[in-house]
């Protein structure tokens, strides 16, 4: 459709550009932008969860493990 301008159908050229532009835009949104946004939102969710639990920015310790003040995880209670 994009190259129809050379074949004598000047009305199909802009439509072809719109279709190809839409395909490129949807590809970028689906495969690039959305995964990046989800990755950042996941990190933000973990940071807020740790902030609410009073751990600040020290990371995650699994259930049953105690985190010492120097950042090392002690196994068990």
N, C-alpha and C. Protein backbone atom coordinates (compact mmCIF):
# COMPACT_ATOMS: atom_id res chain seq x y z
N UNK A 1 0.81 -1.19 0.00
CA UNK A 1 0.00 0.00 0.00
C UNK A 1 0.87 1.26 0.00
N UNK A 2 1.96 1.21 0.70
CA UNK A 2 2.80 2.39 0.81
C UNK A 2 3.40 2.78 -0.53
N UNK A 3 3.67 1.80 -1.35
CA UNK A 3 4.31 2.08 -2.63
C UNK A 3 3.32 2.23 -3.77
N UNK A 4 2.04 2.29 -3.48
CA UNK A 4 1.01 2.45 -4.50
C UNK A 4 1.09 3.82 -5.17
N UNK A 5 1.75 4.78 -4.53
CA UNK A 5 1.87 6.11 -5.11
C UNK A 5 2.59 6.05 -6.46
N UNK A 6 3.57 5.19 -6.57
CA UNK A 6 4.32 5.06 -7.82
C UNK A 6 3.52 4.35 -8.89
N UNK A 7 2.50 3.59 -8.49
CA UNK A 7 1.71 2.84 -9.46
C UNK A 7 0.49 3.59 -9.96
N UNK A 8 0.30 4.83 -9.51
CA UNK A 8 -0.81 5.61 -10.04
C UNK A 8 -2.00 5.70 -9.12
N UNK A 9 -1.91 5.25 -7.88
CA UNK A 9 -3.02 5.35 -6.92
C UNK A 9 -2.55 6.21 -5.74
N UNK A 10 -2.60 7.52 -5.89
CA UNK A 10 -2.04 8.40 -4.85
C UNK A 10 -2.83 8.40 -3.54
N UNK A 11 -4.04 7.86 -3.52
CA UNK A 11 -4.82 7.89 -2.29
C UNK A 11 -4.44 6.77 -1.33
N UNK A 12 -3.77 5.74 -1.82
CA UNK A 12 -3.41 4.63 -0.93
C UNK A 12 -2.09 4.84 -0.20
N UNK A 13 -1.27 5.76 -0.64
CA UNK A 13 0.03 6.02 0.00
C UNK A 13 -0.10 6.45 1.46
N UNK A 14 -0.91 7.48 1.75
CA UNK A 14 -1.06 7.90 3.15
C UNK A 14 -1.69 6.81 4.03
N UNK A 15 -2.60 6.03 3.47
CA UNK A 15 -3.19 4.95 4.26
C UNK A 15 -2.14 3.89 4.59
N UNK A 16 -1.28 3.61 3.66
CA UNK A 16 -0.21 2.65 3.92
C UNK A 16 0.76 3.15 4.98
N UNK A 17 1.06 4.44 4.95
CA UNK A 17 1.93 5.01 5.98
C UNK A 17 1.27 4.93 7.35
N UNK A 18 -0.04 5.17 7.40
CA UNK A 18 -0.76 5.09 8.67
C UNK A 18 -0.79 3.67 9.22
N UNK A 19 -0.98 2.69 8.34
CA UNK A 19 -1.00 1.29 8.76
C UNK A 19 0.37 0.86 9.28
N UNK A 20 1.42 1.19 8.56
CA UNK A 20 2.77 0.81 8.99
C UNK A 20 3.15 1.55 10.27
N UNK A 21 2.79 2.83 10.38
CA UNK A 21 3.05 3.57 11.61
C UNK A 21 2.30 2.99 12.80
N UNK A 22 1.08 2.55 12.59
CA UNK A 22 0.30 1.91 13.66
C UNK A 22 0.91 0.58 14.09
N UNK A 23 1.39 -0.19 13.13
CA UNK A 23 2.03 -1.47 13.46
C UNK A 23 3.31 -1.25 14.26
N UNK A 24 4.11 -0.28 13.87
CA UNK A 24 5.36 0.00 14.59
C UNK A 24 5.05 0.51 16.00
N UNK A 25 4.06 1.40 16.12
CA UNK A 25 3.69 1.93 17.43
C UNK A 25 3.17 0.84 18.34
N UNK A 26 2.30 -0.02 17.85
CA UNK A 26 1.77 -1.10 18.69
C UNK A 26 2.86 -2.08 19.08
N UNK A 27 3.80 -2.33 18.18
CA UNK A 27 4.93 -3.22 18.50
C UNK A 27 5.76 -2.64 19.63
N UNK A 28 6.08 -1.34 19.53
CA UNK A 28 6.88 -0.70 20.57
C UNK A 28 6.16 -0.69 21.91
N UNK A 29 4.87 -0.40 21.91
CA UNK A 29 4.12 -0.38 23.15
C UNK A 29 4.05 -1.77 23.78
N UNK A 30 3.78 -2.78 22.96
CA UNK A 30 3.58 -4.12 23.48
C UNK A 30 4.87 -4.79 23.92
N UNK A 31 5.92 -4.67 23.15
CA UNK A 31 7.13 -5.43 23.43
C UNK A 31 8.21 -4.66 24.18
N UNK A 32 8.10 -3.34 24.24
CA UNK A 32 9.15 -2.56 24.89
C UNK A 32 8.60 -1.80 26.09
N UNK A 33 7.65 -0.92 25.87
CA UNK A 33 7.21 -0.01 26.92
C UNK A 33 6.48 -0.71 28.06
N UNK A 34 5.55 -1.58 27.76
CA UNK A 34 4.76 -2.24 28.80
C UNK A 34 5.63 -3.11 29.72
N UNK A 35 6.55 -3.95 29.21
CA UNK A 35 7.41 -4.71 30.13
C UNK A 35 8.31 -3.82 31.00
N UNK A 36 8.79 -2.71 30.47
CA UNK A 36 9.62 -1.79 31.26
C UNK A 36 8.79 -1.18 32.38
N UNK A 37 7.57 -0.74 32.08
CA UNK A 37 6.70 -0.15 33.10
C UNK A 37 6.38 -1.19 34.17
N UNK A 38 6.06 -2.43 33.79
CA UNK A 38 5.75 -3.46 34.76
C UNK A 38 6.96 -3.77 35.64
N UNK A 39 8.16 -3.76 35.09
CA UNK A 39 9.38 -4.01 35.87
C UNK A 39 9.58 -2.93 36.91
N UNK A 40 9.44 -1.67 36.52
CA UNK A 40 9.58 -0.57 37.47
C UNK A 40 8.48 -0.59 38.53
N UNK A 41 7.25 -0.91 38.14
CA UNK A 41 6.17 -0.96 39.11
C UNK A 41 6.37 -2.10 40.11
N UNK A 42 6.94 -3.21 39.67
CA UNK A 42 7.22 -4.32 40.57
C UNK A 42 8.27 -3.91 41.61
N UNK A 43 9.31 -3.23 41.16
CA UNK A 43 10.32 -2.74 42.10
C UNK A 43 9.75 -1.73 43.08
N UNK A 44 8.87 -0.86 42.59
CA UNK A 44 8.22 0.12 43.46
C UNK A 44 7.33 -0.57 44.49
N UNK A 45 6.63 -1.61 44.07
CA UNK A 45 5.77 -2.36 44.98
C UNK A 45 6.59 -3.02 46.08
N UNK A 46 7.72 -3.62 45.73
CA UNK A 46 8.58 -4.26 46.72
C UNK A 46 9.15 -3.21 47.67
N UNK A 47 9.57 -2.06 47.15
CA UNK A 47 10.12 -1.00 47.99
C UNK A 47 9.07 -0.48 48.98
N UNK A 48 7.82 -0.27 48.51
CA UNK A 48 6.75 0.20 49.40
C UNK A 48 6.42 -0.86 50.44
N UNK A 49 6.37 -2.12 50.03
CA UNK A 49 6.08 -3.21 50.96
C UNK A 49 7.15 -3.26 52.06
N UNK A 50 8.42 -3.16 51.68
CA UNK A 50 9.50 -3.17 52.67
C UNK A 50 9.45 -1.93 53.55
N UNK A 51 9.06 -0.80 53.00
CA UNK A 51 8.95 0.43 53.78
C UNK A 51 7.84 0.29 54.82
N UNK A 52 6.73 -0.32 54.44
CA UNK A 52 5.62 -0.51 55.37
C UNK A 52 5.97 -1.49 56.49
N UNK A 53 6.80 -2.48 56.17
CA UNK A 53 7.20 -3.46 57.18
C UNK A 53 8.33 -2.92 58.06
N UNK A 54 8.85 -1.75 57.74
CA UNK A 54 9.89 -1.15 58.55
C UNK A 54 11.29 -1.59 58.21
N UNK A 55 11.44 -2.18 57.03
CA UNK A 55 12.76 -2.67 56.65
C UNK A 55 13.53 -1.64 55.84
N UNK A 56 12.87 -0.60 55.39
CA UNK A 56 13.54 0.43 54.61
C UNK A 56 14.05 -0.11 53.29
N UNK A 57 15.33 0.06 53.04
CA UNK A 57 15.92 -0.32 51.76
C UNK A 57 16.91 -1.46 51.92
N UNK A 58 16.77 -2.29 52.95
CA UNK A 58 17.74 -3.34 53.23
C UNK A 58 17.49 -4.63 52.47
N UNK A 59 16.41 -4.75 51.75
CA UNK A 59 16.15 -5.95 50.97
C UNK A 59 15.13 -6.84 51.63
N UNK A 60 14.95 -8.03 51.05
CA UNK A 60 13.93 -8.96 51.55
C UNK A 60 14.58 -10.08 52.33
N UNK A 61 14.00 -10.44 53.45
CA UNK A 61 14.37 -11.64 54.19
C UNK A 61 13.15 -12.55 54.16
N UNK A 62 13.34 -13.83 53.96
CA UNK A 62 12.20 -14.73 53.87
C UNK A 62 11.62 -14.97 55.26
N UNK A 63 10.42 -15.55 55.30
CA UNK A 63 9.75 -15.84 56.56
C UNK A 63 10.61 -16.74 57.43
N UNK A 64 10.73 -16.42 58.69
CA UNK A 64 11.50 -17.24 59.61
C UNK A 64 12.95 -16.84 59.72
N UNK A 65 13.44 -16.03 58.83
CA UNK A 65 14.81 -15.56 58.89
C UNK A 65 14.85 -14.18 59.53
N UNK A 66 15.89 -13.92 60.28
CA UNK A 66 16.04 -12.64 60.95
C UNK A 66 17.21 -11.91 60.32
N UNK A 67 16.99 -10.64 60.00
CA UNK A 67 18.05 -9.86 59.40
C UNK A 67 18.76 -9.06 60.49
N UNK A 68 20.06 -9.24 60.59
CA UNK A 68 20.84 -8.54 61.60
C UNK A 68 21.12 -7.10 61.16
N UNK A 69 21.54 -6.21 62.07
CA UNK A 69 21.76 -4.81 61.69
C UNK A 69 22.84 -4.63 60.62
N UNK A 70 23.79 -5.55 60.50
CA UNK A 70 24.83 -5.37 59.49
C UNK A 70 24.40 -5.90 58.11
N UNK A 71 23.14 -6.34 57.98
CA UNK A 71 22.62 -6.76 56.69
C UNK A 71 22.71 -8.24 56.41
N UNK A 72 23.33 -9.02 57.31
CA UNK A 72 23.43 -10.46 57.11
C UNK A 72 22.15 -11.14 57.60
N UNK A 73 21.77 -12.21 56.93
CA UNK A 73 20.56 -12.93 57.29
C UNK A 73 20.95 -14.11 58.16
N UNK A 74 20.33 -14.19 59.34
CA UNK A 74 20.54 -15.33 60.24
C UNK A 74 19.43 -16.33 59.99
N UNK A 75 19.78 -17.56 59.73
CA UNK A 75 18.80 -18.60 59.43
C UNK A 75 18.14 -19.04 60.73
N UNK A 76 16.81 -19.15 60.68
CA UNK A 76 16.08 -19.58 61.87
C UNK A 76 15.80 -18.43 62.80
N UNK A 77 15.19 -18.78 63.94
CA UNK A 77 14.82 -17.73 64.90
C UNK A 77 15.68 -17.76 66.12
